[in-house]
PDB file of N, CA and C in Angstrom:
ATOM      1  N   MET A   1      60.816  -2.987 -10.356  1.00  0.00           N
ATOM      2  CA  MET A   1      59.870  -2.341  -9.464  1.00  0.00           C
ATOM      3  C   MET A   1      60.067  -2.890  -8.054  1.00  0.00           C
ATOM      4  N   LYS A   2      59.907  -2.039  -7.096  1.00  0.00           N
ATOM      5  CA  LYS A   2      60.000  -2.414  -5.691  1.00  0.00           C
ATOM      6  C   LYS A   2      58.587  -2.643  -5.168  1.00  0.00           C
ATOM      7  N   ILE A   3      58.431  -3.663  -4.328  1.00  0.00           N
ATOM      8  CA  ILE A   3      57.104  -4.017  -3.822  1.00  0.00           C
ATOM      9  C   ILE A   3      57.084  -3.852  -2.308  1.00  0.00           C
ATOM     10  N   VAL A   4      56.106  -3.105  -1.833  1.00  0.00           N
ATOM     11  CA  VAL A   4      55.887  -2.915  -0.398  1.00  0.00           C
ATOM     12  C   VAL A   4      54.798  -3.891   0.027  1.00  0.00           C
ATOM     13  N   LEU A   5      55.147  -4.801   0.939  1.00  0.00           N
ATOM     14  CA  LEU A   5      54.188  -5.744   1.502  1.00  0.00           C
ATOM     15  C   LEU A   5      53.769  -5.205   2.858  1.00  0.00           C
ATOM     16  N   TYR A   6      52.478  -5.078   3.072  1.00  0.00           N
ATOM     17  CA  TYR A   6      51.969  -4.449   4.295  1.00  0.00           C
ATOM     18  C   TYR A   6      50.776  -5.229   4.828  1.00  0.00           C
ATOM     19  N   ASP A   7      50.481  -5.040   6.104  1.00  0.00           N
ATOM     20  CA  ASP A   7      49.320  -5.681   6.729  1.00  0.00           C
ATOM     21  C   ASP A   7      48.078  -4.945   6.246  1.00  0.00           C
ATOM     22  N   GLY A   8      47.303  -5.599   5.404  1.00  0.00           N
ATOM     23  CA  GLY A   8      46.111  -4.980   4.823  1.00  0.00           C
ATOM     24  C   GLY A   8      45.007  -4.715   5.822  1.00  0.00           C
ATOM     25  N   GLU A   9      45.134  -5.246   7.036  1.00  0.00           N
ATOM     26  CA  GLU A   9      44.109  -5.051   8.055  1.00  0.00           C
ATOM     27  C   GLU A   9      44.542  -4.073   9.137  1.00  0.00           C
ATOM     28  N   CYS A  10      45.638  -3.377   8.908  1.00  0.00           N
ATOM     29  CA  CYS A  10      46.212  -2.468   9.907  1.00  0.00           C
ATOM     30  C   CYS A  10      46.009  -1.020   9.473  1.00  0.00           C
ATOM     31  N   GLY A  11      45.375  -0.219  10.337  1.00  0.00           N
ATOM     32  CA  GLY A  11      45.132   1.184  10.023  1.00  0.00           C
ATOM     33  C   GLY A  11      46.415   1.984   9.856  1.00  0.00           C
ATOM     34  N   VAL A  12      47.413   1.739  10.704  1.00  0.00           N
ATOM     35  CA  VAL A  12      48.691   2.458  10.589  1.00  0.00           C
ATOM     36  C   VAL A  12      49.360   2.111   9.264  1.00  0.00           C
ATOM     37  N   CYS A  13      49.362   0.827   8.924  1.00  0.00           N
ATOM     38  CA  CYS A  13      49.983   0.388   7.663  1.00  0.00           C
ATOM     39  C   CYS A  13      49.266   1.005   6.463  1.00  0.00           C
ATOM     40  N   ASN A  14      47.945   1.000   6.505  1.00  0.00           N
ATOM     41  CA  ASN A  14      47.180   1.567   5.397  1.00  0.00           C
ATOM     42  C   ASN A  14      47.400   3.071   5.267  1.00  0.00           C
ATOM     43  N   ARG A  15      47.516   3.760   6.388  1.00  0.00           N
ATOM     44  CA  ARG A  15      47.810   5.200   6.325  1.00  0.00           C
ATOM     45  C   ARG A  15      49.206   5.448   5.737  1.00  0.00           C
ATOM     46  N   PHE A  16      50.160   4.590   6.105  1.00  0.00           N
ATOM     47  CA  PHE A  16      51.512   4.720   5.562  1.00  0.00           C
ATOM     48  C   PHE A  16      51.493   4.490   4.044  1.00  0.00           C
ATOM     49  N   VAL A  17      50.731   3.503   3.595  1.00  0.00           N
ATOM     50  CA  VAL A  17      50.611   3.247   2.157  1.00  0.00           C
ATOM     51  C   VAL A  17      49.975   4.452   1.464  1.00  0.00           C
ATOM     52  N   GLN A  18      48.959   5.059   2.064  1.00  0.00           N
ATOM     53  CA  GLN A  18      48.340   6.255   1.483  1.00  0.00           C
ATOM     54  C   GLN A  18      49.365   7.390   1.369  1.00  0.00           C
ATOM     55  N   PHE A  19      50.187   7.548   2.412  1.00  0.00           N
ATOM     56  CA  PHE A  19      51.262   8.551   2.357  1.00  0.00           C
ATOM     57  C   PHE A  19      52.220   8.232   1.213  1.00  0.00           C
ATOM     58  N   LEU A  20      52.616   6.969   1.092  1.00  0.00           N
ATOM     59  CA  LEU A  20      53.554   6.579   0.035  1.00  0.00           C
ATOM     60  C   LEU A  20      52.970   6.831  -1.349  1.00  0.00           C
ATOM     61  N   LEU A  21      51.692   6.553  -1.527  1.00  0.00           N
ATOM     62  CA  LEU A  21      51.053   6.798  -2.824  1.00  0.00           C
ATOM     63  C   LEU A  21      51.153   8.273  -3.217  1.00  0.00           C
ATOM     64  N   ARG A  22      50.993   9.151  -2.238  1.00  0.00           N
ATOM     65  CA  ARG A  22      51.094  10.597  -2.529  1.00  0.00           C
ATOM     66  C   ARG A  22      52.550  11.028  -2.738  1.00  0.00           C
ATOM     67  N   ALA A  23      53.458  10.491  -1.942  1.00  0.00           N
ATOM     68  CA  ALA A  23      54.851  10.952  -1.956  1.00  0.00           C
ATOM     69  C   ALA A  23      55.675  10.330  -3.082  1.00  0.00           C
ATOM     70  N   ASP A  24      55.289   9.175  -3.557  1.00  0.00           N
ATOM     71  CA  ASP A  24      56.047   8.460  -4.592  1.00  0.00           C
ATOM     72  C   ASP A  24      55.662   8.981  -5.973  1.00  0.00           C
ATOM     73  N   VAL A  25      56.078  10.194  -6.270  1.00  0.00           N
ATOM     74  CA  VAL A  25      55.671  10.854  -7.513  1.00  0.00           C
ATOM     75  C   VAL A  25      56.223  10.144  -8.750  1.00  0.00           C
ATOM     76  N   ASN A  26      57.340   9.438  -8.625  1.00  0.00           N
ATOM     77  CA  ASN A  26      57.915   8.714  -9.755  1.00  0.00           C
ATOM     78  C   ASN A  26      57.369   7.293  -9.871  1.00  0.00           C
ATOM     79  N   GLN A  27      56.444   6.937  -8.997  1.00  0.00           N
ATOM     80  CA  GLN A  27      55.769   5.637  -9.009  1.00  0.00           C
ATOM     81  C   GLN A  27      56.746   4.470  -9.076  1.00  0.00           C
ATOM     82  N   LYS A  28      57.707   4.470  -8.167  1.00  0.00           N
ATOM     83  CA  LYS A  28      58.699   3.397  -8.103  1.00  0.00           C
ATOM     84  C   LYS A  28      58.228   2.212  -7.269  1.00  0.00           C
ATOM     85  N   LEU A  29      57.147   2.393  -6.517  1.00  0.00           N
ATOM     86  CA  LEU A  29      56.684   1.355  -5.606  1.00  0.00           C
ATOM     87  C   LEU A  29      55.363   0.747  -6.053  1.00  0.00           C
ATOM     88  N   GLN A  30      55.236  -0.561  -5.809  1.00  0.00           N
ATOM     89  CA  GLN A  30      53.965  -1.251  -5.940  1.00  0.00           C
ATOM     90  C   GLN A  30      53.619  -1.769  -4.550  1.00  0.00           C
ATOM     91  N   TYR A  31      52.358  -2.144  -4.344  1.00  0.00           N
ATOM     92  CA  TYR A  31      51.884  -2.498  -3.014  1.00  0.00           C
ATOM     93  C   TYR A  31      51.089  -3.790  -3.057  1.00  0.00           C
ATOM     94  N   ALA A  32      51.269  -4.614  -2.013  1.00  0.00           N
ATOM     95  CA  ALA A  32      50.509  -5.854  -1.895  1.00  0.00           C
ATOM     96  C   ALA A  32      50.321  -6.168  -0.415  1.00  0.00           C
ATOM     97  N   PRO A  33      49.138  -6.619  -0.042  1.00  0.00           N
ATOM     98  CA  PRO A  33      48.915  -6.981   1.365  1.00  0.00           C
ATOM     99  C   PRO A  33      49.668  -8.271   1.709  1.00  0.00           C
ATOM    100  N   LEU A  34      50.142  -8.335   2.936  1.00  0.00           N
ATOM    101  CA  LEU A  34      50.822  -9.542   3.408  1.00  0.00           C
ATOM    102  C   LEU A  34      49.897 -10.759   3.369  1.00  0.00           C
ATOM    103  N   GLN A  35      48.592 -10.510   3.416  1.00  0.00           N
ATOM    104  CA  GLN A  35      47.627 -11.595   3.405  1.00  0.00           C
ATOM    105  C   GLN A  35      47.364 -12.122   1.997  1.00  0.00           C
ATOM    106  N   GLY A  36      47.935 -11.510   0.970  1.00  0.00           N
ATOM    107  CA  GLY A  36      47.615 -11.859  -0.410  1.00  0.00           C
ATOM    108  C   GLY A  36      48.558 -12.854  -1.061  1.00  0.00           C
ATOM    109  N   SER A  37      48.212 -13.218  -2.275  1.00  0.00           N
ATOM    110  CA  SER A  37      48.985 -14.220  -3.023  1.00  0.00           C
ATOM    111  C   SER A  37      50.360 -13.702  -3.441  1.00  0.00           C
ATOM    112  N   THR A  38      50.483 -12.412  -3.705  1.00  0.00           N
ATOM    113  CA  THR A  38      51.787 -11.865  -4.089  1.00  0.00           C
ATOM    114  C   THR A  38      52.798 -12.057  -2.964  1.00  0.00           C
ATOM    115  N   ALA A  39      52.397 -11.754  -1.733  1.00  0.00           N
ATOM    116  CA  ALA A  39      53.302 -11.922  -0.589  1.00  0.00           C
ATOM    117  C   ALA A  39      53.676 -13.387  -0.417  1.00  0.00           C
ATOM    118  N   ARG A  40      52.699 -14.277  -0.515  1.00  0.00           N
ATOM    119  CA  ARG A  40      52.991 -15.718  -0.369  1.00  0.00           C
ATOM    120  C   ARG A  40      53.955 -16.178  -1.452  1.00  0.00           C
ATOM    121  N   ASP A  41      53.742 -15.737  -2.689  1.00  0.00           N
ATOM    122  CA  ASP A  41      54.609 -16.153  -3.792  1.00  0.00           C
ATOM    123  C   ASP A  41      56.028 -15.607  -3.638  1.00  0.00           C
ATOM    124  N   LEU A  42      56.136 -14.357  -3.202  1.00  0.00           N
ATOM    125  CA  LEU A  42      57.464 -13.742  -3.067  1.00  0.00           C
ATOM    126  C   LEU A  42      58.242 -14.281  -1.873  1.00  0.00           C
ATOM    127  N   LEU A  43      57.550 -14.509  -0.768  1.00  0.00           N
ATOM    128  CA  LEU A  43      58.234 -14.884   0.465  1.00  0.00           C
ATOM    129  C   LEU A  43      58.312 -16.391   0.675  1.00  0.00           C
ATOM    130  N   LYS A  44      57.465 -17.152  -0.005  1.00  0.00           N
ATOM    131  CA  LYS A  44      57.447 -18.621   0.082  1.00  0.00           C
ATOM    132  C   LYS A  44      57.091 -19.154   1.469  1.00  0.00           C
ATOM    133  N   VAL A  45      56.794 -18.267   2.402  1.00  0.00           N
ATOM    134  CA  VAL A  45      56.375 -18.678   3.751  1.00  0.00           C
ATOM    135  C   VAL A  45      55.249 -17.756   4.183  1.00  0.00           C
ATOM    136  N   VAL A  46      54.528 -18.162   5.224  1.00  0.00           N
ATOM    137  CA  VAL A  46      53.505 -17.277   5.780  1.00  0.00           C
ATOM    138  C   VAL A  46      54.226 -16.099   6.405  1.00  0.00           C
ATOM    139  N   PRO A  47      53.955 -14.877   5.940  1.00  0.00           N
ATOM    140  CA  PRO A  47      54.695 -13.722   6.443  1.00  0.00           C
ATOM    141  C   PRO A  47      54.301 -13.335   7.863  1.00  0.00           C
ATOM    142  N   ASP A  48      55.223 -12.690   8.524  1.00  0.00           N
ATOM    143  CA  ASP A  48      54.989 -12.111   9.843  1.00  0.00           C
ATOM    144  C   ASP A  48      54.148 -10.859   9.637  1.00  0.00           C
ATOM    145  N   LEU A  49      52.924 -10.849  10.166  1.00  0.00           N
ATOM    146  CA  LEU A  49      52.023  -9.724   9.942  1.00  0.00           C
ATOM    147  C   LEU A  49      52.381  -8.493  10.769  1.00  0.00           C
ATOM    148  N   THR A  50      53.416  -8.573  11.594  1.00  0.00           N
ATOM    149  CA  THR A  50      53.789  -7.415  12.410  1.00  0.00           C
ATOM    150  C   THR A  50      54.864  -6.562  11.746  1.00  0.00           C
ATOM    151  N   THR A  51      55.209  -6.843  10.514  1.00  0.00           N
ATOM    152  CA  THR A  51      56.238  -6.043   9.856  1.00  0.00           C
ATOM    153  C   THR A  51      55.839  -5.687   8.431  1.00  0.00           C
ATOM    154  N   MET A  52      56.302  -4.559   7.995  1.00  0.00           N
ATOM    155  CA  MET A  52      56.174  -4.147   6.606  1.00  0.00           C
ATOM    156  C   MET A  52      57.460  -4.625   5.927  1.00  0.00           C
ATOM    157  N   ILE A  53      57.344  -5.093   4.706  1.00  0.00           N
ATOM    158  CA  ILE A  53      58.494  -5.658   3.999  1.00  0.00           C
ATOM    159  C   ILE A  53      58.659  -4.956   2.654  1.00  0.00           C
ATOM    160  N   LEU A  54      59.896  -4.621   2.328  1.00  0.00           N
ATOM    161  CA  LEU A  54      60.211  -4.116   0.998  1.00  0.00           C
ATOM    162  C   LEU A  54      60.919  -5.234   0.248  1.00  0.00           C
ATOM    163  N   VAL A  55      60.393  -5.609  -0.915  1.00  0.00           N
ATOM    164  CA  VAL A  55      61.057  -6.574  -1.773  1.00  0.00           C
ATOM    165  C   VAL A  55      61.664  -5.789  -2.928  1.00  0.00           C
ATOM    166  N   ASP A  56      62.985  -5.819  -2.995  1.00  0.00           N
ATOM    167  CA  ASP A  56      63.725  -5.057  -3.997  1.00  0.00           C
ATOM    168  C   ASP A  56      64.691  -6.010  -4.694  1.00  0.00           C
ATOM    169  N   GLU A  57      64.449  -6.253  -5.978  1.00  0.00           N
ATOM    170  CA  GLU A  57      65.272  -7.164  -6.774  1.00  0.00           C
ATOM    171  C   GLU A  57      65.407  -8.526  -6.114  1.00  0.00           C
ATOM    172  N   GLY A  58      64.290  -9.032  -5.587  1.00  0.00           N
ATOM    173  CA  GLY A  58      64.259 -10.359  -5.004  1.00  0.00           C
ATOM    174  C   GLY A  58      64.753 -10.457  -3.573  1.00  0.00           C
ATOM    175  N   ILE A  59      65.207  -9.356  -3.001  1.00  0.00           N
ATOM    176  CA  ILE A  59      65.693  -9.348  -1.621  1.00  0.00           C
ATOM    177  C   ILE A  59      64.638  -8.688  -0.745  1.00  0.00           C
ATOM    178  N   ALA A  60      64.297  -9.341   0.369  1.00  0.00           N
ATOM    179  CA  ALA A  60      63.290  -8.822   1.292  1.00  0.00           C
ATOM    180  C   ALA A  60      63.971  -8.099   2.452  1.00  0.00           C
ATOM    181  N   PHE A  61      63.527  -6.874   2.704  1.00  0.00           N
ATOM    182  CA  PHE A  61      64.008  -6.069   3.825  1.00  0.00           C
ATOM    183  C   PHE A  61      62.817  -5.824   4.741  1.00  0.00           C
ATOM    184  N   ASP A  62      62.961  -6.185   6.020  1.00  0.00           N
ATOM    185  CA  ASP A  62      61.826  -6.034   6.924  1.00  0.00           C
ATOM    186  C   ASP A  62      62.119  -5.030   8.029  1.00  0.00           C
ATOM    187  N   LYS A  63      61.101  -4.799   8.828  1.00  0.00           N
ATOM    188  CA  LYS A  63      61.144  -3.918   9.994  1.00  0.00           C
ATOM    189  C   LYS A  63      61.759  -2.559   9.646  1.00  0.00           C
ATOM    190  N   SER A  64      62.660  -2.064  10.485  1.00  0.00           N
ATOM    191  CA  SER A  64      63.182  -0.707  10.297  1.00  0.00           C
ATOM    192  C   SER A  64      63.992  -0.586   9.008  1.00  0.00           C
ATOM    193  N   THR A  65      64.709  -1.633   8.638  1.00  0.00           N
ATOM    194  CA  THR A  65      65.500  -1.575   7.401  1.00  0.00           C
ATOM    195  C   THR A  65      64.579  -1.401   6.203  1.00  0.00           C
ATOM    196  N   GLY A  66      63.491  -2.152   6.177  1.00  0.00           N
ATOM    197  CA  GLY A  66      62.530  -2.014   5.090  1.00  0.00           C
ATOM    198  C   GLY A  66      61.902  -0.634   5.054  1.00  0.00           C
ATOM    199  N   ALA A  67      61.491  -0.136   6.229  1.00  0.00           N
ATOM    200  CA  ALA A  67      60.852   1.187   6.295  1.00  0.00           C
ATOM    201  C   ALA A  67      61.801   2.283   5.818  1.00  0.00           C
ATOM    202  N   ILE A  68      63.051   2.232   6.250  1.00  0.00           N
ATOM    203  CA  ILE A  68      64.035   3.249   5.845  1.00  0.00           C
ATOM    204  C   ILE A  68      64.279   3.174   4.344  1.00  0.00           C
ATOM    205  N   ARG A  69      64.431   1.967   3.814  1.00  0.00           N
ATOM    206  CA  ARG A  69      64.664   1.815   2.371  1.00  0.00           C
ATOM    207  C   ARG A  69      63.437   2.262   1.560  1.00  0.00           C
ATOM    208  N   ILE A  70      62.250   2.033   2.088  1.00  0.00           N
ATOM    209  CA  ILE A  70      61.035   2.500   1.413  1.00  0.00           C
ATOM    210  C   ILE A  70      61.057   4.025   1.320  1.00  0.00           C
ATOM    211  N   LEU A  71      61.328   4.688   2.428  1.00  0.00           N
ATOM    212  CA  LEU A  71      61.364   6.158   2.435  1.00  0.00           C
ATOM    213  C   LEU A  71      62.437   6.692   1.498  1.00  0.00           C
ATOM    214  N   ALA A  72      63.603   6.058   1.493  1.00  0.00           N
ATOM    215  CA  ALA A  72      64.709   6.525   0.645  1.00  0.00           C
ATOM    216  C   ALA A  72      64.379   6.396  -0.840  1.00  0.00           C
ATOM    217  N   THR A  73      63.409   5.551  -1.171  1.00  0.00           N
ATOM    218  CA  THR A  73      62.983   5.361  -2.560  1.00  0.00           C
ATOM    219  C   THR A  73      62.184   6.553  -3.083  1.00  0.00           C
ATOM    220  N   LEU A  74      61.637   7.352  -2.175  1.00  0.00           N
ATOM    221  CA  LEU A  74      60.697   8.401  -2.559  1.00  0.00           C
ATOM    222  C   LEU A  74      61.321   9.568  -3.322  1.00  0.00           C
ATOM    223  N   GLY A  75      62.634   9.665  -3.333  1.00  0.00           N
ATOM    224  CA  GLY A  75      63.259  10.738  -4.100  1.00  0.00           C
ATOM    225  C   GLY A  75      64.342  11.446  -3.313  1.00  0.00           C
ATOM    226  N   PRO A  76      64.915  12.484  -3.923  1.00  0.00           N
ATOM    227  CA  PRO A  76      66.072  13.163  -3.345  1.00  0.00           C
ATOM    228  C   PRO A  76      65.846  13.729  -1.937  1.00  0.00           C
ATOM    229  N   LEU A  77      64.668  14.239  -1.671  1.00  0.00           N
ATOM    230  CA  LEU A  77      64.416  14.787  -0.333  1.00  0.00           C
ATOM    231  C   LEU A  77      64.407  13.708   0.743  1.00  0.00           C
ATOM    232  N   TRP A  78      64.122  12.479   0.353  1.00  0.00           N
ATOM    233  CA  TRP A  78      64.015  11.385   1.308  1.00  0.00           C
ATOM    234  C   TRP A  78      65.276  10.528   1.382  1.00  0.00           C
ATOM    235  N   LYS A  79      66.185  10.670   0.441  1.00  0.00           N
ATOM    236  CA  LYS A  79      67.422   9.869   0.436  1.00  0.00           C
ATOM    237  C   LYS A  79      68.189   9.955   1.754  1.00  0.00           C
ATOM    238  N   PRO A  80      68.256  11.136   2.402  1.00  0.00           N
ATOM    239  CA  PRO A  80      69.015  11.213   3.665  1.00  0.00           C
ATOM    240  C   PRO A  80      68.492  10.302   4.770  1.00  0.00           C
ATOM    241  N   THR A  81      67.286   9.762   4.627  1.00  0.00           N
ATOM    242  CA  THR A  81      66.798   8.847   5.669  1.00  0.00           C
ATOM    243  C   THR A  81      67.690   7.605   5.774  1.00  0.00           C
ATOM    244  N   LYS A  82      68.457   7.319   4.718  1.00  0.00           N
ATOM    245  CA  LYS A  82      69.364   6.164   4.757  1.00  0.00           C
ATOM    246  C   LYS A  82      70.409   6.281   5.860  1.00  0.00           C
ATOM    247  N   VAL A  83      70.654   7.493   6.347  1.00  0.00           N
ATOM    248  CA  VAL A  83      71.623   7.669   7.426  1.00  0.00           C
ATOM    249  C   VAL A  83      71.202   6.874   8.664  1.00  0.00           C
ATOM    250  N   PHE A  84      69.900   6.644   8.828  1.00  0.00           N
ATOM    251  CA  PHE A  84      69.418   5.883   9.981  1.00  0.00           C
ATOM    252  C   PHE A  84      69.847   4.417   9.937  1.00  0.00           C
ATOM    253  N   LEU A  85      70.284   3.949   8.766  1.00  0.00           N
ATOM    254  CA  LEU A  85      70.803   2.584   8.678  1.00  0.00           C
ATOM    255  C   LEU A  85      72.105   2.427   9.461  1.00  0.00           C
ATOM    256  N   CYS A  86      72.742   3.547   9.808  1.00  0.00           N
ATOM    257  CA  CYS A  86      73.974   3.508  10.609  1.00  0.00           C
ATOM    258  C   CYS A  86      73.690   3.179  12.074  1.00  0.00           C
ATOM    259  N   ILE A  87      72.470   3.391  12.510  1.00  0.00           N
ATOM    260  CA  ILE A  87      72.083   3.059  13.886  1.00  0.00           C
ATOM    261  C   ILE A  87      71.992   1.539  13.972  1.00  0.00           C
ATOM    262  N   PRO A  88      72.533   0.937  15.021  1.00  0.00           N
ATOM    263  CA  PRO A  88      72.467  -0.529  15.127  1.00  0.00           C
ATOM    264  C   PRO A  88      71.027  -1.040  14.969  1.00  0.00           C
ATOM    265  N   ARG A  89      70.915  -2.112  14.222  1.00  0.00           N
ATOM    266  CA  ARG A  89      69.593  -2.647  13.886  1.00  0.00           C
ATOM    267  C   ARG A  89      68.768  -2.976  15.126  1.00  0.00           C
ATOM    268  N   PHE A  90      69.399  -3.502  16.172  1.00  0.00           N
ATOM    269  CA  PHE A  90      68.622  -3.884  17.345  1.00  0.00           C
ATOM    270  C   PHE A  90      67.955  -2.663  17.983  1.00  0.00           C
ATOM    271  N   LEU A  91      68.561  -1.481  17.886  1.00  0.00           N
ATOM    272  CA  LEU A  91      67.939  -0.256  18.408  1.00  0.00           C
ATOM    273  C   LEU A  91      66.792   0.194  17.497  1.00  0.00           C
ATOM    274  N   ARG A  92      67.067   0.223  16.188  1.00  0.00           N
ATOM    275  CA  ARG A  92      66.033   0.633  15.229  1.00  0.00           C
ATOM    276  C   ARG A  92      64.834  -0.296  15.302  1.00  0.00           C
ATOM    277  N   ASP A  93      65.100  -1.607  15.318  1.00  0.00           N
ATOM    278  CA  ASP A  93      64.015  -2.578  15.344  1.00  0.00           C
ATOM    279  C   ASP A  93      63.267  -2.551  16.675  1.00  0.00           C
ATOM    280  N   GLY A  94      63.942  -2.173  17.741  1.00  0.00           N
ATOM    281  CA  GLY A  94      63.257  -2.042  19.030  1.00  0.00           C
ATOM    282  C   GLY A  94      62.168  -0.993  18.965  1.00  0.00           C
ATOM    283  N   ILE A  95      62.477   0.136  18.352  1.00  0.00           N
ATOM    284  CA  ILE A  95      61.476   1.202  18.175  1.00  0.00           C
ATOM    285  C   ILE A  95      60.385   0.736  17.217  1.00  0.00           C
ATOM    286  N   TYR A  96      60.799   0.098  16.128  1.00  0.00           N
ATOM    287  CA  TYR A  96      59.838  -0.417  15.148  1.00  0.00           C
ATOM    288  C   TYR A  96      58.871  -1.400  15.822  1.00  0.00           C
ATOM    289  N   ASP A  97      59.418  -2.325  16.615  1.00  0.00           N
ATOM    290  CA  ASP A  97      58.585  -3.331  17.281  1.00  0.00           C
ATOM    291  C   ASP A  97      57.604  -2.701  18.266  1.00  0.00           C
ATOM    292  N   LEU A  98      58.018  -1.651  18.941  1.00  0.00           N
ATOM    293  CA  LEU A  98      57.133  -0.949  19.869  1.00  0.00           C
ATOM    294  C   LEU A  98      55.914  -0.394  19.128  1.00  0.00           C
ATOM    295  N   ILE A  99      56.171   0.221  17.990  1.00  0.00           N
ATOM    296  CA  ILE A  99      55.076   0.751  17.172  1.00  0.00           C
ATOM    297  C   ILE A  99      54.224  -0.400  16.626  1.00  0.00           C
ATOM    298  N   ALA A 100      54.878  -1.464  16.155  1.00  0.00           N
ATOM    299  CA  ALA A 100      54.154  -2.602  15.577  1.00  0.00           C
ATOM    300  C   ALA A 100      53.237  -3.267  16.603  1.00  0.00           C
ATOM    301  N   ARG A 101      53.696  -3.382  17.846  1.00  0.00           N
ATOM    302  CA  ARG A 101      52.869  -4.004  18.889  1.00  0.00           C
ATOM    303  C   ARG A 101      51.615  -3.189  19.183  1.00  0.00           C
ATOM    304  N   ASN A 102      51.689  -1.896  18.965  1.00  0.00           N
ATOM    305  CA  ASN A 102      50.570  -1.005  19.286  1.00  0.00           C
ATOM    306  C   ASN A 102      49.856  -0.479  18.050  1.00  0.00           C
ATOM    307  N   ARG A 103      50.147  -1.021  16.882  1.00  0.00           N
ATOM    308  CA  ARG A 103      49.647  -0.452  15.628  1.00  0.00           C
ATOM    309  C   ARG A 103      48.133  -0.499  15.505  1.00  0.00           C
ATOM    310  N   HIS A 104      47.498  -1.544  16.006  1.00  0.00           N
ATOM    311  CA  HIS A 104      46.037  -1.613  15.885  1.00  0.00           C
ATOM    312  C   HIS A 104      45.371  -0.581  16.783  1.00  0.00           C
ATOM    313  N   ARG A 105      45.955  -0.336  17.933  1.00  0.00           N
ATOM    314  CA  ARG A 105      45.417   0.689  18.838  1.00  0.00           C
ATOM    315  C   ARG A 105      45.671   2.084  18.260  1.00  0.00           C
ATOM    316  N   LEU A 106      46.854   2.285  17.689  1.00  0.00           N
ATOM    317  CA  LEU A 106      47.221   3.589  17.117  1.00  0.00           C
ATOM    318  C   LEU A 106      46.469   3.872  15.819  1.00  0.00           C
ATOM    319  N   GLY A 107      46.207   2.820  15.048  1.00  0.00           N
ATOM    320  CA  GLY A 107      45.608   2.989  13.728  1.00  0.00           C
ATOM    321  C   GLY A 107      44.115   3.123  13.706  1.00  0.00           C
ATOM    322  N   GLY A 108      43.463   2.662  14.740  1.00  0.00           N
ATOM    323  CA  GLY A 108      42.013   2.744  14.762  1.00  0.00           C
ATOM    324  C   GLY A 108      41.369   1.845  13.723  1.00  0.00           C
ATOM    325  N   ASN A 109      40.084   2.056  13.524  1.00  0.00           N
ATOM    326  CA  ASN A 109      39.313   1.233  12.597  1.00  0.00           C
ATOM    327  C   ASN A 109      38.786   2.039  11.422  1.00  0.00           C
ATOM    328  N   SER A 110      39.401   3.171  11.139  1.00  0.00           N
ATOM    329  CA  SER A 110      38.883   4.002  10.054  1.00  0.00           C
ATOM    330  C   SER A 110      39.004   3.274   8.725  1.00  0.00           C
ATOM    331  N   PRO A 111      37.974   3.403   7.886  1.00  0.00           N
ATOM    332  CA  PRO A 111      38.022   2.716   6.595  1.00  0.00           C
ATOM    333  C   PRO A 111      39.104   3.317   5.698  1.00  0.00           C
ATOM    334  N   CYS A 112      39.687   2.467   4.902  1.00  0.00           N
ATOM    335  CA  CYS A 112      40.734   2.924   3.986  1.00  0.00           C
ATOM    336  C   CYS A 112      40.081   3.498   2.739  1.00  0.00           C
ATOM    337  N   PRO A 113      40.575   4.622   2.257  1.00  0.00           N
ATOM    338  CA  PRO A 113      39.999   5.182   1.035  1.00  0.00           C
ATOM    339  C   PRO A 113      40.285   4.278  -0.161  1.00  0.00           C
ATOM    340  N   LEU A 114      39.375   4.263  -1.092  1.00  0.00           N
ATOM    341  CA  LEU A 114      39.590   3.484  -2.304  1.00  0.00           C
ATOM    342  C   LEU A 114      40.633   4.181  -3.168  1.00  0.00           C
ATOM    343  N   PRO A 115      41.532   3.401  -3.761  1.00  0.00           N
ATOM    344  CA  PRO A 115      42.548   4.020  -4.609  1.00  0.00           C
ATOM    345  C   PRO A 115      41.933   4.558  -5.900  1.00  0.00           C
ATOM    346  N   SER A 116      42.550   5.603  -6.417  1.00  0.00           N
ATOM    347  CA  SER A 116      42.121   6.145  -7.708  1.00  0.00           C
ATOM    348  C   SER A 116      42.458   5.108  -8.790  1.00  0.00           C
ATOM    349  N   PRO A 117      41.876   5.250  -9.982  1.00  0.00           N
ATOM    350  CA  PRO A 117      42.208   4.297 -11.053  1.00  0.00           C
ATOM    351  C   PRO A 117      43.712   4.245 -11.339  1.00  0.00           C
ATOM    352  N   ASP A 118      44.380   5.394 -11.262  1.00  0.00           N
ATOM    353  CA  ASP A 118      45.827   5.430 -11.499  1.00  0.00           C
ATOM    354  C   ASP A 118      46.575   4.691 -10.389  1.00  0.00           C
ATOM    355  N   GLN A 119      46.122   4.857  -9.146  1.00  0.00           N
ATOM    356  CA  GLN A 119      46.759   4.181  -8.015  1.00  0.00           C
ATOM    357  C   GLN A 119      46.444   2.698  -8.015  1.00  0.00           C
ATOM    358  N   LYS A 120      45.253   2.331  -8.460  1.00  0.00           N
ATOM    359  CA  LYS A 120      44.812   0.942  -8.410  1.00  0.00           C
ATOM    360  C   LYS A 120      45.748   0.014  -9.170  1.00  0.00           C
ATOM    361  N   LYS A 121      46.317   0.475 -10.261  1.00  0.00           N
ATOM    362  CA  LYS A 121      47.191  -0.392 -11.054  1.00  0.00           C
ATOM    363  C   LYS A 121      48.523  -0.663 -10.338  1.00  0.00           C
ATOM    364  N   ARG A 122      48.802   0.047  -9.242  1.00  0.00           N
ATOM    365  CA  ARG A 122      50.032  -0.162  -8.485  1.00  0.00           C
ATOM    366  C   ARG A 122      49.854  -1.177  -7.364  1.00  0.00           C
ATOM    367  N   PHE A 123      48.622  -1.686  -7.194  1.00  0.00           N
ATOM    368  CA  PHE A 123      48.338  -2.693  -6.172  1.00  0.00           C
ATOM    369  C   PHE A 123      48.331  -4.080  -6.787  1.00  0.00           C
ATOM    370  N   LEU A 124      48.954  -4.994  -6.089  1.00  0.00           N
ATOM    371  CA  LEU A 124      49.034  -6.386  -6.511  1.00  0.00           C
ATOM    372  C   LEU A 124      48.157  -7.227  -5.580  1.00  0.00           C
ATOM    373  N   PRO A 125      47.729  -8.407  -6.035  1.00  0.00           N
ATOM    374  CA  PRO A 125      46.856  -9.245  -5.193  1.00  0.00           C
ATOM    375  C   PRO A 125      47.565  -9.771  -3.952  1.00  0.00           C
TER     376      PRO A 125
END
């Protein structure tokens, strides 16, 4: 199983997780907040709260690489997003960092919907 680590206090991150829950019809992803014990156990260090991380078979992918790999996991329609990995990382991460710096302003303070019972089992502490 692949684990998406996200900032549990970020509206943009929470909206992205809600999108992933709907789009991941094969349920290949699990989710855990960066502030939780799962993230600490997997990363062994205090995580950078400005990035979303994909942990896949023990390897952590952050920033744009993680986001692209997360999308490519969603199925055949999303696999072509991997083409963006051909763009130099410093360019991709520059765009990612711009969004990350403004994520609290962009995300607002809207409350996150509670997951359904089926979705709840995909969340880790």
